[in-house]
Protein backbone atom coordinates (compact mmCIF):
# COMPACT_ATOMS: atom_id res chain seq x y z
CA UNK A 1 0.00 0.00 0.00
CA UNK A 2 1.61 3.17 -1.18
CA UNK A 3 0.97 6.81 -0.86
CA UNK A 4 0.15 8.61 -4.05
CA UNK A 5 -0.65 12.30 -4.31
CA UNK A 6 -4.21 13.15 -5.28
CA UNK A 7 -4.75 13.32 -9.05
CA UNK A 8 -3.59 16.51 -10.76
CA UNK A 9 -1.68 17.77 -7.70
CA UNK A 10 1.33 18.62 -9.89
CA UNK A 11 -0.75 20.54 -12.45
CA UNK A 12 -1.80 23.76 -10.72
CA UNK A 13 -3.88 24.75 -13.78
CA UNK A 14 -5.92 21.53 -13.78
CA UNK A 15 -9.65 22.03 -13.33
CA UNK A 16 -11.50 19.92 -10.73
CA UNK A 17 -14.46 17.89 -11.95
CA UNK A 18 -16.51 19.32 -9.07
CA UNK A 19 -15.78 21.71 -6.24
CA UNK A 20 -14.86 20.31 -2.82
CA UNK A 21 -16.94 21.07 0.25
CA UNK A 22 -15.43 20.73 3.73
CA UNK A 23 -18.07 18.89 5.75
CA UNK A 24 -18.26 16.02 8.21
CA UNK A 25 -20.71 13.39 7.01
CA UNK A 26 -21.01 10.09 8.91
CA UNK A 27 -20.51 7.11 6.61
CA UNK A 28 -20.14 3.35 6.92
CA UNK A 29 -17.31 1.98 4.77
CA UNK A 30 -17.78 -1.59 3.57
CA UNK A 31 -14.82 -3.47 2.11
CA UNK A 32 -14.47 -7.01 0.78
CA UNK A 33 -16.76 -9.72 -0.55
CA UNK A 34 -20.15 -10.37 1.09
CA UNK A 35 -19.09 -13.26 3.31
CA UNK A 36 -15.72 -11.77 4.22
CA UNK A 37 -16.63 -8.10 4.35
CA UNK A 38 -15.32 -5.70 6.96
CA UNK A 39 -16.79 -2.34 7.84
CA UNK A 40 -15.93 0.82 9.72
CA UNK A 41 -18.07 3.76 10.83
CA UNK A 42 -16.20 6.98 10.04
CA UNK A 43 -16.66 10.48 8.62
CA UNK A 44 -15.69 12.56 5.64
CA UNK A 45 -13.15 15.38 5.60
CA UNK A 46 -14.22 16.80 2.25
CA UNK A 47 -16.84 15.77 -0.29
CA UNK A 48 -17.70 16.54 -3.90
CA UNK A 49 -19.99 15.19 -6.59
CA UNK A 50 -17.38 12.60 -7.58
CA UNK A 51 -16.27 11.23 -4.20
CA UNK A 52 -14.74 12.18 -0.88
CA UNK A 53 -11.74 12.26 1.41
CA UNK A 54 -12.49 10.07 4.44
CA UNK A 55 -10.66 9.12 7.64
CA UNK A 56 -10.14 5.37 7.74
CA UNK A 57 -8.50 2.91 10.12
CA UNK A 58 -9.08 -0.06 7.80
CA UNK A 59 -6.11 -1.00 5.66
CA UNK A 60 -7.01 -0.30 2.05
CA UNK A 61 -4.98 0.05 -1.11
CA UNK A 62 -5.20 2.16 -4.23
CA UNK A 63 -7.52 0.57 -6.76
CA UNK A 64 -9.58 -1.26 -4.11
CA UNK A 65 -13.36 -1.22 -4.48
CA UNK A 66 -15.37 -0.02 -1.46
CA UNK A 67 -18.99 0.75 -0.71
CA UNK A 68 -19.91 3.92 1.19
CA UNK A 69 -23.20 4.02 3.08
CA UNK A 70 -24.55 7.41 4.10
CA UNK A 71 -25.34 6.84 7.81
CA UNK A 72 -28.21 9.36 7.75
CA UNK A 73 -30.01 8.15 4.62
CA UNK A 74 -28.87 4.53 4.30
CA UNK A 75 -28.05 5.14 0.63
CA UNK A 76 -25.03 3.23 -0.71
CA UNK A 77 -22.60 4.05 -3.50
CA UNK A 78 -19.72 2.06 -5.02
CA UNK A 79 -16.34 3.77 -5.07
CA UNK A 80 -12.67 3.22 -5.83
CA UNK A 81 -9.71 4.08 -3.58
CA UNK A 82 -7.59 6.64 -5.45
CA UNK A 83 -5.42 8.04 -2.64
CA UNK A 84 -4.04 6.80 0.69
CA UNK A 85 -2.08 9.21 2.91
CA UNK A 86 1.00 8.25 4.85
CA UNK A 87 0.12 6.82 8.25
CA UNK A 88 -0.36 9.88 10.47
CA UNK A 89 -2.29 8.56 13.45
CA UNK A 90 -4.77 5.77 14.05
CA UNK A 91 -6.60 6.75 10.86
CA UNK A 92 -5.40 7.72 7.39
CA UNK A 93 -6.94 10.09 4.90
CA UNK A 94 -8.30 8.01 2.03
CA UNK A 95 -9.53 9.52 -1.23
CA UNK A 96 -12.36 7.69 -2.95
CA UNK A 97 -13.94 8.27 -6.35
CA UNK A 98 -17.52 7.22 -7.02
CA UNK A 99 -17.89 4.82 -9.94
CA UNK A 100 -20.50 7.27 -11.30
CA UNK A 101 -20.91 10.93 -10.23
CA UNK A 102 -23.46 11.11 -7.42
CA UNK A 103 -23.83 14.69 -6.09
CA UNK A 104 -27.12 13.91 -4.30
CA UNK A 105 -25.44 11.22 -2.15
CA UNK A 106 -24.29 13.87 0.35
CA UNK A 107 -27.69 15.64 0.57
CA UNK A 108 -26.12 19.09 0.49
CA UNK A 109 -26.24 21.93 -2.02
CA UNK A 110 -22.95 22.40 -3.78
CA UNK A 111 -21.53 25.87 -4.35
CA UNK A 112 -21.75 27.29 -7.87
CA UNK A 113 -18.69 26.89 -10.13
CA UNK A 114 -17.67 30.52 -9.63
CA UNK A 115 -17.71 30.35 -5.81
CA UNK A 116 -13.95 30.65 -5.40
CA UNK A 117 -11.53 33.20 -3.97
CA UNK A 118 -10.77 34.20 -7.58
CA UNK A 119 -14.35 35.26 -8.18
CA UNK A 120 -14.83 39.07 -8.47
CA UNK A 121 -17.58 38.88 -5.83
CA UNK A 122 -15.12 37.41 -3.32
CA UNK A 123 -12.82 40.43 -3.62
CA UNK A 124 -15.41 42.98 -2.51
CA UNK A 125 -15.66 44.31 1.02
CA UNK A 126 -12.73 43.12 3.14
CA UNK A 127 -13.79 44.84 6.35
CA UNK A 128 -15.25 42.70 9.14
CA UNK A 129 -19.04 42.50 9.35
CA UNK A 130 -20.78 45.14 11.44
CA UNK A 131 -22.72 43.91 14.45
CA UNK A 132 -25.64 46.03 15.54
CA UNK A 133 -26.68 45.62 19.14
CA UNK A 134 -30.02 46.64 20.49
CA UNK A 135 -30.92 47.27 24.10
CA UNK A 136 -33.47 44.63 25.11
CA UNK A 137 -34.63 46.66 28.13
CA UNK A 138 -37.42 49.08 27.35
CA UNK A 139 -37.68 52.44 29.09
CA UNK A 140 -40.78 52.84 31.24
């Protein structure tokens, strides 16, 4: 089991297939054949329409087929291990790609394609938001 950088990490101009969203989603990871399957309850680090980065204690290798089950909905999706980080702690970061894009698997709304720090709208007002306080006590 080796560590391979995520796809396109060398090409800074490469376009992502779908934008990442940093969110913790509880998932059950199922690995192996039916009679010899192993599973682990874990969570995502980031998600997108094409897969996720998950924390995983199970030993997996690049190219291995897994099934992810959304713990909230029970929905399952087949995926392929495409990245395994170096062992950092009890769990590794594992990148998985869905066999078919499945943006509704996560049950979240994804940001529009132009929602990046390079977007002109993101460069607008840089001052901190103003907080208006009101006195809750009324004068008698």
